[in-house]
């Protein structure tokens, strides 16, 4: 569904639609790091069984959507780096400063080209 959404709406419009999944402030208690990791592990287990290959952008948008449905302030980040005379792009998810679906130093390895997106603050 994520790839269909990206194809139909494009990244910016899809992320804007995900913004509306956020509950109003006070409806959901602040999740713990353990809860965020539990959702991420469940998502990864399901994603591994997906018959289609999940690239980082689709996987990150889908994970962000799932986390936001749970009231977690998830943010999609997209960055690039030069590697072997070619540009390498990558997407990952963060909640605050915590990197959810990648290594902690991913933001040091990639230069962000799309600012971190989170509509939860605007939705509140």
PDB file of N, CA and C in Angstrom:
ATOM      1  N   UNK A   1       0.825  -1.198   0.000  1.00  0.00           N
ATOM      2  CA  UNK A   1       0.000   0.000   0.000  1.00  0.00           C
ATOM      3  C   UNK A   1       0.865   1.256   0.000  1.00  0.00           C
ATOM      4  N   UNK A   2       2.031   1.153   0.668  1.00  0.00           N
ATOM      5  CA  UNK A   2       2.915   2.310   0.718  1.00  0.00           C
ATOM      6  C   UNK A   2       3.387   2.700  -0.670  1.00  0.00           C
ATOM      7  N   UNK A   3       3.808   1.713  -1.462  1.00  0.00           N
ATOM      8  CA  UNK A   3       4.288   2.019  -2.802  1.00  0.00           C
ATOM      9  C   UNK A   3       3.172   2.560  -3.689  1.00  0.00           C
ATOM     10  N   UNK A   4       1.961   2.046  -3.529  1.00  0.00           N
ATOM     11  CA  UNK A   4       0.825   2.581  -4.279  1.00  0.00           C
ATOM     12  C   UNK A   4       0.565   4.028  -3.868  1.00  0.00           C
ATOM     13  N   UNK A   5       0.642   4.304  -2.575  1.00  0.00           N
ATOM     14  CA  UNK A   5       0.461   5.677  -2.097  1.00  0.00           C
ATOM     15  C   UNK A   5       1.537   6.615  -2.619  1.00  0.00           C
ATOM     16  N   UNK A   6       2.784   6.149  -2.637  1.00  0.00           N
ATOM     17  CA  UNK A   6       3.868   6.965  -3.180  1.00  0.00           C
ATOM     18  C   UNK A   6       3.646   7.245  -4.660  1.00  0.00           C
ATOM     19  N   UNK A   7       3.199   6.236  -5.394  1.00  0.00           N
ATOM     20  CA  UNK A   7       2.956   6.389  -6.828  1.00  0.00           C
ATOM     21  C   UNK A   7       1.778   7.322  -7.095  1.00  0.00           C
ATOM     22  N   UNK A   8       0.703   7.155  -6.336  1.00  0.00           N
ATOM     23  CA  UNK A   8      -0.505   7.958  -6.553  1.00  0.00           C
ATOM     24  C   UNK A   8      -0.370   9.402  -6.081  1.00  0.00           C
ATOM     25  N   UNK A   9       0.203   9.585  -4.894  1.00  0.00           N
ATOM     26  CA  UNK A   9       0.217  10.893  -4.271  1.00  0.00           C
ATOM     27  C   UNK A   9       1.571  11.595  -4.327  1.00  0.00           C
ATOM     28  N   UNK A  10       2.651  10.847  -4.449  1.00  0.00           N
ATOM     29  CA  UNK A  10       3.983  11.426  -4.318  1.00  0.00           C
ATOM     30  C   UNK A  10       4.343  11.499  -2.843  1.00  0.00           C
ATOM     31  N   UNK A  11       5.622  11.671  -2.566  1.00  0.00           N
ATOM     32  CA  UNK A  11       6.101  11.628  -1.184  1.00  0.00           C
ATOM     33  C   UNK A  11       5.478  12.714  -0.314  1.00  0.00           C
ATOM     34  N   UNK A  12       5.507  13.960  -0.752  1.00  0.00           N
ATOM     35  CA  UNK A  12       5.008  15.050   0.098  1.00  0.00           C
ATOM     36  C   UNK A  12       3.534  14.908   0.424  1.00  0.00           C
ATOM     37  N   UNK A  13       2.715  14.585  -0.572  1.00  0.00           N
ATOM     38  CA  UNK A  13       1.279  14.441  -0.317  1.00  0.00           C
ATOM     39  C   UNK A  13       0.982  13.220   0.544  1.00  0.00           C
ATOM     40  N   UNK A  14       1.744  12.130   0.346  1.00  0.00           N
ATOM     41  CA  UNK A  14       1.536  10.949   1.179  1.00  0.00           C
ATOM     42  C   UNK A  14       1.881  11.247   2.632  1.00  0.00           C
ATOM     43  N   UNK A  15       2.999  11.923   2.863  1.00  0.00           N
ATOM     44  CA  UNK A  15       3.376  12.278   4.232  1.00  0.00           C
ATOM     45  C   UNK A  15       2.356  13.231   4.845  1.00  0.00           C
ATOM     46  N   UNK A  16       1.807  14.129   4.038  1.00  0.00           N
ATOM     47  CA  UNK A  16       0.770  15.027   4.551  1.00  0.00           C
ATOM     48  C   UNK A  16      -0.476  14.242   4.957  1.00  0.00           C
ATOM     49  N   UNK A  17      -0.817  13.208   4.199  1.00  0.00           N
ATOM     50  CA  UNK A  17      -1.974  12.369   4.560  1.00  0.00           C
ATOM     51  C   UNK A  17      -1.704  11.590   5.840  1.00  0.00           C
ATOM     52  N   UNK A  18      -0.473  11.137   6.010  1.00  0.00           N
ATOM     53  CA  UNK A  18      -0.110  10.413   7.228  1.00  0.00           C
ATOM     54  C   UNK A  18      -0.253  11.326   8.439  1.00  0.00           C
ATOM     55  N   UNK A  19      -0.025  12.621   8.246  1.00  0.00           N
ATOM     56  CA  UNK A  19      -0.149  13.594   9.336  1.00  0.00           C
ATOM     57  C   UNK A  19      -1.514  13.494   9.996  1.00  0.00           C
ATOM     58  N   UNK A  20      -2.535  13.220   9.234  1.00  0.00           N
ATOM     59  CA  UNK A  20      -3.892  13.182   9.781  1.00  0.00           C
ATOM     60  C   UNK A  20      -4.167  11.928  10.601  1.00  0.00           C
ATOM     61  N   UNK A  21      -3.222  11.003  10.622  1.00  0.00           N
ATOM     62  CA  UNK A  21      -3.379   9.805  11.444  1.00  0.00           C
ATOM     63  C   UNK A  21      -3.053  10.066  12.902  1.00  0.00           C
ATOM     64  N   UNK A  22      -2.424  11.190  13.173  1.00  0.00           N
ATOM     65  CA  UNK A  22      -1.986  11.497  14.534  1.00  0.00           C
ATOM     66  C   UNK A  22      -3.185  11.838  15.412  1.00  0.00           C
ATOM     67  N   UNK A  23      -3.244  11.258  16.599  1.00  0.00           N
ATOM     68  CA  UNK A  23      -4.321  11.602  17.534  1.00  0.00           C
ATOM     69  C   UNK A  23      -4.103  12.992  18.113  1.00  0.00           C
ATOM     70  N   UNK A  24      -5.127  13.553  18.665  1.00  0.00           N
ATOM     71  CA  UNK A  24      -4.987  14.841  19.336  1.00  0.00           C
ATOM     72  C   UNK A  24      -4.181  14.684  20.615  1.00  0.00           C
ATOM     73  N   UNK A  25      -3.538  15.750  21.025  1.00  0.00           N
ATOM     74  CA  UNK A  25      -2.715  15.722  22.237  1.00  0.00           C
ATOM     75  C   UNK A  25      -3.543  15.264  23.426  1.00  0.00           C
ATOM     76  N   UNK A  26      -2.944  14.435  24.246  1.00  0.00           N
ATOM     77  CA  UNK A  26      -3.599  13.980  25.452  1.00  0.00           C
ATOM     78  C   UNK A  26      -4.415  12.711  25.289  1.00  0.00           C
ATOM     79  N   UNK A  27      -4.669  12.289  24.047  1.00  0.00           N
ATOM     80  CA  UNK A  27      -5.465  11.085  23.836  1.00  0.00           C
ATOM     81  C   UNK A  27      -4.657   9.821  24.092  1.00  0.00           C
ATOM     82  N   UNK A  28      -3.364   9.865  23.801  1.00  0.00           N
ATOM     83  CA  UNK A  28      -2.506   8.697  23.934  1.00  0.00           C
ATOM     84  C   UNK A  28      -1.332   9.060  24.836  1.00  0.00           C
ATOM     85  N   UNK A  29      -1.035   8.246  25.855  1.00  0.00           N
ATOM     86  CA  UNK A  29       0.116   8.553  26.712  1.00  0.00           C
ATOM     87  C   UNK A  29       1.429   8.450  25.933  1.00  0.00           C
ATOM     88  N   UNK A  30       2.438   9.182  26.369  1.00  0.00           N
ATOM     89  CA  UNK A  30       3.754   9.160  25.735  1.00  0.00           C
ATOM     90  C   UNK A  30       4.324   7.747  25.793  1.00  0.00           C
ATOM     91  N   UNK A  31       4.669   7.155  24.630  1.00  0.00           N
ATOM     92  CA  UNK A  31       5.174   5.777  24.638  1.00  0.00           C
ATOM     93  C   UNK A  31       6.610   5.715  25.147  1.00  0.00           C
ATOM     94  N   UNK A  32       6.960   4.580  25.695  1.00  0.00           N
ATOM     95  CA  UNK A  32       8.333   4.374  26.147  1.00  0.00           C
ATOM     96  C   UNK A  32       9.173   3.907  24.965  1.00  0.00           C
ATOM     97  N   UNK A  33      10.475   3.986  25.128  1.00  0.00           N
ATOM     98  CA  UNK A  33      11.390   3.499  24.108  1.00  0.00           C
ATOM     99  C   UNK A  33      11.155   2.013  23.846  1.00  0.00           C
ATOM    100  N   UNK A  34      10.847   1.260  24.886  1.00  0.00           N
ATOM    101  CA  UNK A  34      10.582  -0.170  24.730  1.00  0.00           C
ATOM    102  C   UNK A  34       9.339  -0.412  23.870  1.00  0.00           C
ATOM    103  N   UNK A  35       8.308   0.415  24.039  1.00  0.00           N
ATOM    104  CA  UNK A  35       7.107   0.267  23.220  1.00  0.00           C
ATOM    105  C   UNK A  35       7.408   0.568  21.753  1.00  0.00           C
ATOM    106  N   UNK A  36       8.170   1.609  21.508  1.00  0.00           N
ATOM    107  CA  UNK A  36       8.547   1.960  20.137  1.00  0.00           C
ATOM    108  C   UNK A  36       9.334   0.812  19.510  1.00  0.00           C
ATOM    109  N   UNK A  37      10.283   0.253  20.250  1.00  0.00           N
ATOM    110  CA  UNK A  37      11.077  -0.858  19.739  1.00  0.00           C
ATOM    111  C   UNK A  37      10.215  -2.092  19.500  1.00  0.00           C
ATOM    112  N   UNK A  38       9.231  -2.341  20.343  1.00  0.00           N
ATOM    113  CA  UNK A  38       8.346  -3.490  20.163  1.00  0.00           C
ATOM    114  C   UNK A  38       7.550  -3.351  18.864  1.00  0.00           C
ATOM    115  N   UNK A  39       6.977  -2.172  18.606  1.00  0.00           N
ATOM    116  CA  UNK A  39       6.257  -1.944  17.351  1.00  0.00           C
ATOM    117  C   UNK A  39       7.191  -2.117  16.158  1.00  0.00           C
ATOM    118  N   UNK A  40       8.409  -1.629  16.279  1.00  0.00           N
ATOM    119  CA  UNK A  40       9.374  -1.721  15.190  1.00  0.00           C
ATOM    120  C   UNK A  40       9.754  -3.172  14.913  1.00  0.00           C
ATOM    121  N   UNK A  41       9.951  -3.966  15.954  1.00  0.00           N
ATOM    122  CA  UNK A  41      10.285  -5.379  15.767  1.00  0.00           C
ATOM    123  C   UNK A  41       9.123  -6.143  15.123  1.00  0.00           C
ATOM    124  N   UNK A  42       7.900  -5.844  15.534  1.00  0.00           N
ATOM    125  CA  UNK A  42       6.734  -6.479  14.913  1.00  0.00           C
ATOM    126  C   UNK A  42       6.627  -6.101  13.446  1.00  0.00           C
ATOM    127  N   UNK A  43       6.827  -4.818  13.166  1.00  0.00           N
ATOM    128  CA  UNK A  43       6.783  -4.346  11.778  1.00  0.00           C
ATOM    129  C   UNK A  43       7.852  -5.059  10.949  1.00  0.00           C
ATOM    130  N   UNK A  44       9.055  -5.175  11.474  1.00  0.00           N
ATOM    131  CA  UNK A  44      10.151  -5.825  10.748  1.00  0.00           C
ATOM    132  C   UNK A  44       9.852  -7.292  10.475  1.00  0.00           C
ATOM    133  N   UNK A  45       9.243  -7.966  11.432  1.00  0.00           N
ATOM    134  CA  UNK A  45       8.892  -9.376  11.254  1.00  0.00           C
ATOM    135  C   UNK A  45       7.893  -9.547  10.111  1.00  0.00           C
ATOM    136  N   UNK A  46       6.928  -8.656  10.050  1.00  0.00           N
ATOM    137  CA  UNK A  46       5.938  -8.719   8.970  1.00  0.00           C
ATOM    138  C   UNK A  46       6.590  -8.329   7.645  1.00  0.00           C
ATOM    139  N   UNK A  47       7.409  -7.292   7.644  1.00  0.00           N
ATOM    140  CA  UNK A  47       8.047  -6.816   6.415  1.00  0.00           C
ATOM    141  C   UNK A  47       8.950  -7.878   5.795  1.00  0.00           C
ATOM    142  N   UNK A  48       9.609  -8.678   6.625  1.00  0.00           N
ATOM    143  CA  UNK A  48      10.479  -9.744   6.104  1.00  0.00           C
ATOM    144  C   UNK A  48       9.687 -10.782   5.324  1.00  0.00           C
ATOM    145  N   UNK A  49       8.414 -10.926   5.625  1.00  0.00           N
ATOM    146  CA  UNK A  49       7.583 -11.925   4.960  1.00  0.00           C
ATOM    147  C   UNK A  49       6.818 -11.364   3.758  1.00  0.00           C
ATOM    148  N   UNK A  50       7.018 -10.103   3.473  1.00  0.00           N
ATOM    149  CA  UNK A  50       6.341  -9.457   2.350  1.00  0.00           C
ATOM    150  C   UNK A  50       6.880 -10.022   1.038  1.00  0.00           C
ATOM    151  N   UNK A  51       5.996 -10.396   0.104  1.00  0.00           N
ATOM    152  CA  UNK A  51       6.471 -10.965  -1.156  1.00  0.00           C
ATOM    153  C   UNK A  51       7.174  -9.953  -2.056  1.00  0.00           C
ATOM    154  N   UNK A  52       6.925  -8.672  -1.856  1.00  0.00           N
ATOM    155  CA  UNK A  52       7.584  -7.632  -2.639  1.00  0.00           C
ATOM    156  C   UNK A  52       8.812  -7.125  -1.881  1.00  0.00           C
ATOM    157  N   UNK A  53       9.856  -6.754  -2.613  1.00  0.00           N
ATOM    158  CA  UNK A  53      11.020  -6.193  -1.922  1.00  0.00           C
ATOM    159  C   UNK A  53      10.675  -4.824  -1.336  1.00  0.00           C
ATOM    160  N   UNK A  54      11.006  -4.626  -0.096  1.00  0.00           N
ATOM    161  CA  UNK A  54      10.738  -3.348   0.559  1.00  0.00           C
ATOM    162  C   UNK A  54      12.026  -2.535   0.606  1.00  0.00           C
ATOM    163  N   UNK A  55      12.042  -1.473  -0.146  1.00  0.00           N
ATOM    164  CA  UNK A  55      13.195  -0.580  -0.125  1.00  0.00           C
ATOM    165  C   UNK A  55      13.045   0.371   1.048  1.00  0.00           C
ATOM    166  N   UNK A  56      14.103   1.092   1.339  1.00  0.00           N
ATOM    167  CA  UNK A  56      14.137   1.902   2.556  1.00  0.00           C
ATOM    168  C   UNK A  56      13.032   2.964   2.593  1.00  0.00           C
ATOM    169  N   UNK A  57      12.710   3.591   1.465  1.00  0.00           N
ATOM    170  CA  UNK A  57      11.686   4.637   1.485  1.00  0.00           C
ATOM    171  C   UNK A  57      10.313   4.058   1.807  1.00  0.00           C
ATOM    172  N   UNK A  58       9.915   3.033   1.091  1.00  0.00           N
ATOM    173  CA  UNK A  58       8.615   2.413   1.350  1.00  0.00           C
ATOM    174  C   UNK A  58       8.517   1.849   2.744  1.00  0.00           C
ATOM    175  N   UNK A  59       9.594   1.195   3.194  1.00  0.00           N
ATOM    176  CA  UNK A  59       9.621   0.616   4.539  1.00  0.00           C
ATOM    177  C   UNK A  59       9.529   1.721   5.594  1.00  0.00           C
ATOM    178  N   UNK A  60      10.247   2.819   5.380  1.00  0.00           N
ATOM    179  CA  UNK A  60      10.243   3.907   6.370  1.00  0.00           C
ATOM    180  C   UNK A  60       8.897   4.617   6.426  1.00  0.00           C
ATOM    181  N   UNK A  61       8.294   4.852   5.267  1.00  0.00           N
ATOM    182  CA  UNK A  61       6.979   5.504   5.248  1.00  0.00           C
ATOM    183  C   UNK A  61       5.940   4.608   5.919  1.00  0.00           C
ATOM    184  N   UNK A  62       5.984   3.305   5.622  1.00  0.00           N
ATOM    185  CA  UNK A  62       5.024   2.375   6.232  1.00  0.00           C
ATOM    186  C   UNK A  62       5.213   2.295   7.745  1.00  0.00           C
ATOM    187  N   UNK A  63       6.465   2.220   8.198  1.00  0.00           N
ATOM    188  CA  UNK A  63       6.730   2.168   9.638  1.00  0.00           C
ATOM    189  C   UNK A  63       6.287   3.465  10.309  1.00  0.00           C
ATOM    190  N   UNK A  64       6.574   4.586   9.686  1.00  0.00           N
ATOM    191  CA  UNK A  64       6.151   5.881  10.235  1.00  0.00           C
ATOM    192  C   UNK A  64       4.634   5.922  10.378  1.00  0.00           C
ATOM    193  N   UNK A  65       3.928   5.445   9.373  1.00  0.00           N
ATOM    194  CA  UNK A  65       2.461   5.417   9.404  1.00  0.00           C
ATOM    195  C   UNK A  65       1.967   4.564  10.565  1.00  0.00           C
ATOM    196  N   UNK A  66       2.541   3.375  10.720  1.00  0.00           N
ATOM    197  CA  UNK A  66       2.154   2.484  11.821  1.00  0.00           C
ATOM    198  C   UNK A  66       2.391   3.142  13.174  1.00  0.00           C
ATOM    199  N   UNK A  67       3.562   3.723  13.348  1.00  0.00           N
ATOM    200  CA  UNK A  67       3.895   4.346  14.633  1.00  0.00           C
ATOM    201  C   UNK A  67       2.987   5.532  14.925  1.00  0.00           C
ATOM    202  N   UNK A  68       2.696   6.324  13.902  1.00  0.00           N
ATOM    203  CA  UNK A  68       1.829   7.486  14.097  1.00  0.00           C
ATOM    204  C   UNK A  68       0.408   7.057  14.449  1.00  0.00           C
ATOM    205  N   UNK A  69      -0.039   5.928  13.907  1.00  0.00           N
ATOM    206  CA  UNK A  69      -1.354   5.411  14.268  1.00  0.00           C
ATOM    207  C   UNK A  69      -1.403   5.040  15.747  1.00  0.00           C
ATOM    208  N   UNK A  70      -0.242   4.732  16.315  1.00  0.00           N
ATOM    209  CA  UNK A  70      -0.152   4.393  17.733  1.00  0.00           C
ATOM    210  C   UNK A  70       0.112   5.629  18.597  1.00  0.00           C
ATOM    211  N   UNK A  71       0.128   6.810  17.983  1.00  0.00           N
ATOM    212  CA  UNK A  71       0.346   8.047  18.725  1.00  0.00           C
ATOM    213  C   UNK A  71       1.807   8.374  18.969  1.00  0.00           C
ATOM    214  N   UNK A  72       2.709   7.733  18.240  1.00  0.00           N
ATOM    215  CA  UNK A  72       4.144   7.968  18.408  1.00  0.00           C
ATOM    216  C   UNK A  72       4.591   9.004  17.397  1.00  0.00           C
ATOM    217  N   UNK A  73       5.302  10.009  17.850  1.00  0.00           N
ATOM    218  CA  UNK A  73       5.762  11.100  16.995  1.00  0.00           C
ATOM    219  C   UNK A  73       6.929  10.614  16.130  1.00  0.00           C
ATOM    220  N   UNK A  74       6.599   9.895  15.071  1.00  0.00           N
ATOM    221  CA  UNK A  74       7.602   9.350  14.153  1.00  0.00           C
ATOM    222  C   UNK A  74       7.853  10.332  13.021  1.00  0.00           C
ATOM    223  N   UNK A  75       9.078  10.332  12.518  1.00  0.00           N
ATOM    224  CA  UNK A  75       9.508  11.268  11.489  1.00  0.00           C
ATOM    225  C   UNK A  75      10.281  10.523  10.408  1.00  0.00           C
ATOM    226  N   UNK A  76       9.936  10.745   9.154  1.00  0.00           N
ATOM    227  CA  UNK A  76      10.688  10.181   8.036  1.00  0.00           C
ATOM    228  C   UNK A  76      11.812  11.145   7.676  1.00  0.00           C
ATOM    229  N   UNK A  77      13.025  10.616   7.565  1.00  0.00           N
ATOM    230  CA  UNK A  77      14.188  11.404   7.151  1.00  0.00           C
ATOM    231  C   UNK A  77      14.739  10.800   5.867  1.00  0.00           C
ATOM    232  N   UNK A  78      15.152  11.657   4.939  1.00  0.00           N
ATOM    233  CA  UNK A  78      15.752  11.204   3.689  1.00  0.00           C
ATOM    234  C   UNK A  78      17.076  11.928   3.522  1.00  0.00           C
ATOM    235  N   UNK A  79      18.108  11.166   3.180  1.00  0.00           N
ATOM    236  CA  UNK A  79      19.425  11.752   3.007  1.00  0.00           C
ATOM    237  C   UNK A  79      20.169  11.139   1.838  1.00  0.00           C
ATOM    238  N   UNK A  80      21.264  11.788   1.454  1.00  0.00           N
ATOM    239  CA  UNK A  80      22.112  11.299   0.377  1.00  0.00           C
ATOM    240  C   UNK A  80      23.569  11.348   0.825  1.00  0.00           C
ATOM    241  N   UNK A  81      24.383  10.571   0.100  1.00  0.00           N
ATOM    242  CA  UNK A  81      25.819  10.624   0.284  1.00  0.00           C
ATOM    243  C   UNK A  81      26.464  10.211  -1.032  1.00  0.00           C
ATOM    244  N   UNK A  82      27.708  10.620  -1.207  1.00  0.00           N
ATOM    245  CA  UNK A  82      28.451  10.223  -2.393  1.00  0.00           C
ATOM    246  C   UNK A  82      29.254   8.989  -2.041  1.00  0.00           C
ATOM    247  N   UNK A  83      29.060   7.944  -2.841  1.00  0.00           N
ATOM    248  CA  UNK A  83      29.754   6.685  -2.598  1.00  0.00           C
ATOM    249  C   UNK A  83      30.159   6.088  -3.940  1.00  0.00           C
ATOM    250  N   UNK A  84      31.445   5.826  -4.109  1.00  0.00           N
ATOM    251  CA  UNK A  84      31.964   5.255  -5.357  1.00  0.00           C
ATOM    252  C   UNK A  84      31.551   6.080  -6.573  1.00  0.00           C
ATOM    253  N   UNK A  85      31.724   7.396  -6.489  1.00  0.00           N
ATOM    254  CA  UNK A  85      31.397   8.327  -7.581  1.00  0.00           C
ATOM    255  C   UNK A  85      29.929   8.293  -7.993  1.00  0.00           C
ATOM    256  N   UNK A  86      29.055   7.898  -7.098  1.00  0.00           N
ATOM    257  CA  UNK A  86      27.613   7.894  -7.362  1.00  0.00           C
ATOM    258  C   UNK A  86      26.889   8.386  -6.114  1.00  0.00           C
ATOM    259  N   UNK A  87      25.701   8.923  -6.319  1.00  0.00           N
ATOM    260  CA  UNK A  87      24.886   9.340  -5.183  1.00  0.00           C
ATOM    261  C   UNK A  87      24.111   8.149  -4.650  1.00  0.00           C
ATOM    262  N   UNK A  88      24.109   8.012  -3.355  1.00  0.00           N
ATOM    263  CA  UNK A  88      23.377   6.962  -2.660  1.00  0.00           C
ATOM    264  C   UNK A  88      22.339   7.650  -1.782  1.00  0.00           C
ATOM    265  N   UNK A  89      21.062   7.325  -1.964  1.00  0.00           N
ATOM    266  CA  UNK A  89      19.986   7.910  -1.162  1.00  0.00           C
ATOM    267  C   UNK A  89      19.489   6.869  -0.164  1.00  0.00           C
ATOM    268  N   UNK A  90      18.981   7.372   0.971  1.00  0.00           N
ATOM    269  CA  UNK A  90      18.503   6.474   2.016  1.00  0.00           C
ATOM    270  C   UNK A  90      17.415   7.169   2.823  1.00  0.00           C
ATOM    271  N   UNK A  91      16.469   6.384   3.326  1.00  0.00           N
ATOM    272  CA  UNK A  91      15.396   6.906   4.182  1.00  0.00           C
ATOM    273  C   UNK A  91      15.390   6.114   5.485  1.00  0.00           C
ATOM    274  N   UNK A  92      15.059   6.806   6.571  1.00  0.00           N
ATOM    275  CA  UNK A  92      14.965   6.158   7.872  1.00  0.00           C
ATOM    276  C   UNK A  92      13.933   6.890   8.714  1.00  0.00           C
ATOM    277  N   UNK A  93      13.583   6.318   9.857  1.00  0.00           N
ATOM    278  CA  UNK A  93      12.566   6.886  10.746  1.00  0.00           C
ATOM    279  C   UNK A  93      13.203   7.229  12.078  1.00  0.00           C
ATOM    280  N   UNK A  94      12.804   8.364  12.610  1.00  0.00           N
ATOM    281  CA  UNK A  94      13.233   8.767  13.943  1.00  0.00           C
ATOM    282  C   UNK A  94      12.018   9.162  14.766  1.00  0.00           C
ATOM    283  N   UNK A  95      12.165   9.006  16.074  1.00  0.00           N
ATOM    284  CA  UNK A  95      11.210   9.548  17.028  1.00  0.00           C
ATOM    285  C   UNK A  95      12.037  10.452  17.932  1.00  0.00           C
ATOM    286  N   UNK A  96      11.889  11.742  17.737  1.00  0.00           N
ATOM    287  CA  UNK A  96      12.782  12.687  18.412  1.00  0.00           C
ATOM    288  C   UNK A  96      14.180  12.494  17.863  1.00  0.00           C
ATOM    289  N   UNK A  97      15.150  12.311  18.735  1.00  0.00           N
ATOM    290  CA  UNK A  97      16.527  12.074  18.311  1.00  0.00           C
ATOM    291  C   UNK A  97      16.849  10.589  18.192  1.00  0.00           C
ATOM    292  N   UNK A  98      15.899   9.723  18.504  1.00  0.00           N
ATOM    293  CA  UNK A  98      16.123   8.288  18.490  1.00  0.00           C
ATOM    294  C   UNK A  98      15.879   7.720  17.092  1.00  0.00           C
ATOM    295  N   UNK A  99      16.907   7.111  16.504  1.00  0.00           N
ATOM    296  CA  UNK A  99      16.767   6.455  15.203  1.00  0.00           C
ATOM    297  C   UNK A  99      16.091   5.107  15.427  1.00  0.00           C
ATOM    298  N   UNK A 100      14.997   4.878  14.725  1.00  0.00           N
ATOM    299  CA  UNK A 100      14.180   3.699  14.974  1.00  0.00           C
ATOM    300  C   UNK A 100      14.577   2.499  14.122  1.00  0.00           C
ATOM    301  N   UNK A 101      14.736   2.704  12.827  1.00  0.00           N
ATOM    302  CA  UNK A 101      14.922   1.554  11.935  1.00  0.00           C
ATOM    303  C   UNK A 101      16.276   1.534  11.227  1.00  0.00           C
ATOM    304  N   UNK A 102      17.282   2.060  11.866  1.00  0.00           N
ATOM    305  CA  UNK A 102      18.620   2.058  11.286  1.00  0.00           C
ATOM    306  C   UNK A 102      19.637   2.197  12.405  1.00  0.00           C
ATOM    307  N   UNK A 103      20.894   2.313  12.038  1.00  0.00           N
ATOM    308  CA  UNK A 103      21.929   2.495  13.050  1.00  0.00           C
ATOM    309  C   UNK A 103      21.888   3.919  13.585  1.00  0.00           C
ATOM    310  N   UNK A 104      22.390   4.103  14.784  1.00  0.00           N
ATOM    311  CA  UNK A 104      22.346   5.414  15.431  1.00  0.00           C
ATOM    312  C   UNK A 104      23.079   6.488  14.647  1.00  0.00           C
ATOM    313  N   UNK A 105      24.103   6.109  13.883  1.00  0.00           N
ATOM    314  CA  UNK A 105      24.913   7.111  13.185  1.00  0.00           C
ATOM    315  C   UNK A 105      24.464   7.361  11.749  1.00  0.00           C
ATOM    316  N   UNK A 106      23.266   6.937  11.363  1.00  0.00           N
ATOM    317  CA  UNK A 106      22.804   7.118   9.994  1.00  0.00           C
ATOM    318  C   UNK A 106      22.776   8.592   9.601  1.00  0.00           C
ATOM    319  N   UNK A 107      22.415   9.463  10.509  1.00  0.00           N
ATOM    320  CA  UNK A 107      22.361  10.899  10.205  1.00  0.00           C
ATOM    321  C   UNK A 107      23.759  11.486  10.003  1.00  0.00           C
ATOM    322  N   UNK A 108      24.772  10.820  10.522  1.00  0.00           N
ATOM    323  CA  UNK A 108      26.148  11.264  10.300  1.00  0.00           C
ATOM    324  C   UNK A 108      26.659  10.777   8.945  1.00  0.00           C
ATOM    325  N   UNK A 109      26.150   9.656   8.466  1.00  0.00           N
ATOM    326  CA  UNK A 109      26.598   9.079   7.198  1.00  0.00           C
ATOM    327  C   UNK A 109      25.897   9.695   5.998  1.00  0.00           C
ATOM    328  N   UNK A 110      24.716  10.269   6.188  1.00  0.00           N
ATOM    329  CA  UNK A 110      23.939  10.862   5.099  1.00  0.00           C
ATOM    330  C   UNK A 110      23.653  12.325   5.392  1.00  0.00           C
ATOM    331  N   UNK A 111      23.630  13.121   4.341  1.00  0.00           N
ATOM    332  CA  UNK A 111      23.226  14.517   4.447  1.00  0.00           C
ATOM    333  C   UNK A 111      21.743  14.579   4.135  1.00  0.00           C
ATOM    334  N   UNK A 112      20.967  15.111   5.064  1.00  0.00           N
ATOM    335  CA  UNK A 112      19.514  15.163   4.871  1.00  0.00           C
ATOM    336  C   UNK A 112      19.175  16.116   3.730  1.00  0.00           C
ATOM    337  N   UNK A 113      18.331  15.624   2.813  1.00  0.00           N
ATOM    338  CA  UNK A 113      17.861  16.474   1.719  1.00  0.00           C
ATOM    339  C   UNK A 113      16.395  16.837   1.905  1.00  0.00           C
ATOM    340  N   UNK A 114      15.694  16.033   2.672  1.00  0.00           N
ATOM    341  CA  UNK A 114      14.313  16.346   3.028  1.00  0.00           C
ATOM    342  C   UNK A 114      14.306  16.523   4.524  1.00  0.00           C
ATOM    343  N   UNK A 115      13.893  17.699   4.987  1.00  0.00           N
ATOM    344  CA  UNK A 115      13.880  17.882   6.442  1.00  0.00           C
ATOM    345  C   UNK A 115      12.998  16.843   7.098  1.00  0.00           C
ATOM    346  N   UNK A 116      13.326  16.509   8.309  1.00  0.00           N
ATOM    347  CA  UNK A 116      12.509  15.553   9.059  1.00  0.00           C
ATOM    348  C   UNK A 116      11.066  15.993   9.024  1.00  0.00           C
ATOM    349  N   UNK A 117      10.178  15.065   8.753  1.00  0.00           N
ATOM    350  CA  UNK A 117       8.766  15.369   8.647  1.00  0.00           C
ATOM    351  C   UNK A 117       8.021  14.808   9.845  1.00  0.00           C
ATOM    352  N   UNK A 118       7.251  15.627  10.459  1.00  0.00           N
ATOM    353  CA  UNK A 118       6.326  15.158  11.467  1.00  0.00           C
ATOM    354  C   UNK A 118       5.166  16.132  11.522  1.00  0.00           C
ATOM    355  N   UNK A 119       3.992  15.636  11.285  1.00  0.00           N
ATOM    356  CA  UNK A 119       2.815  16.486  11.338  1.00  0.00           C
ATOM    357  C   UNK A 119       2.129  16.445  12.679  1.00  0.00           C
ATOM    358  N   UNK A 120       2.613  15.636  13.614  1.00  0.00           N
ATOM    359  CA  UNK A 120       1.928  15.518  14.896  1.00  0.00           C
ATOM    360  C   UNK A 120       1.912  16.870  15.606  1.00  0.00           C
ATOM    361  N   UNK A 121       3.005  17.587  15.549  1.00  0.00           N
ATOM    362  CA  UNK A 121       3.040  18.888  16.224  1.00  0.00           C
ATOM    363  C   UNK A 121       2.036  19.843  15.587  1.00  0.00           C
ATOM    364  N   UNK A 122       1.906  19.803  14.267  1.00  0.00           N
ATOM    365  CA  UNK A 122       0.950  20.672  13.603  1.00  0.00           C
ATOM    366  C   UNK A 122      -0.483  20.206  13.830  1.00  0.00           C
ATOM    367  N   UNK A 123      -0.676  18.884  13.948  1.00  0.00           N
ATOM    368  CA  UNK A 123      -2.022  18.363  14.136  1.00  0.00           C
ATOM    369  C   UNK A 123      -2.550  18.697  15.529  1.00  0.00           C
ATOM    370  N   UNK A 124      -1.665  18.860  16.473  1.00  0.00           N
ATOM    371  CA  UNK A 124      -2.083  19.166  17.845  1.00  0.00           C
ATOM    372  C   UNK A 124      -2.470  20.589  17.886  1.00  0.00           C
TER     373      UNK A 124
END
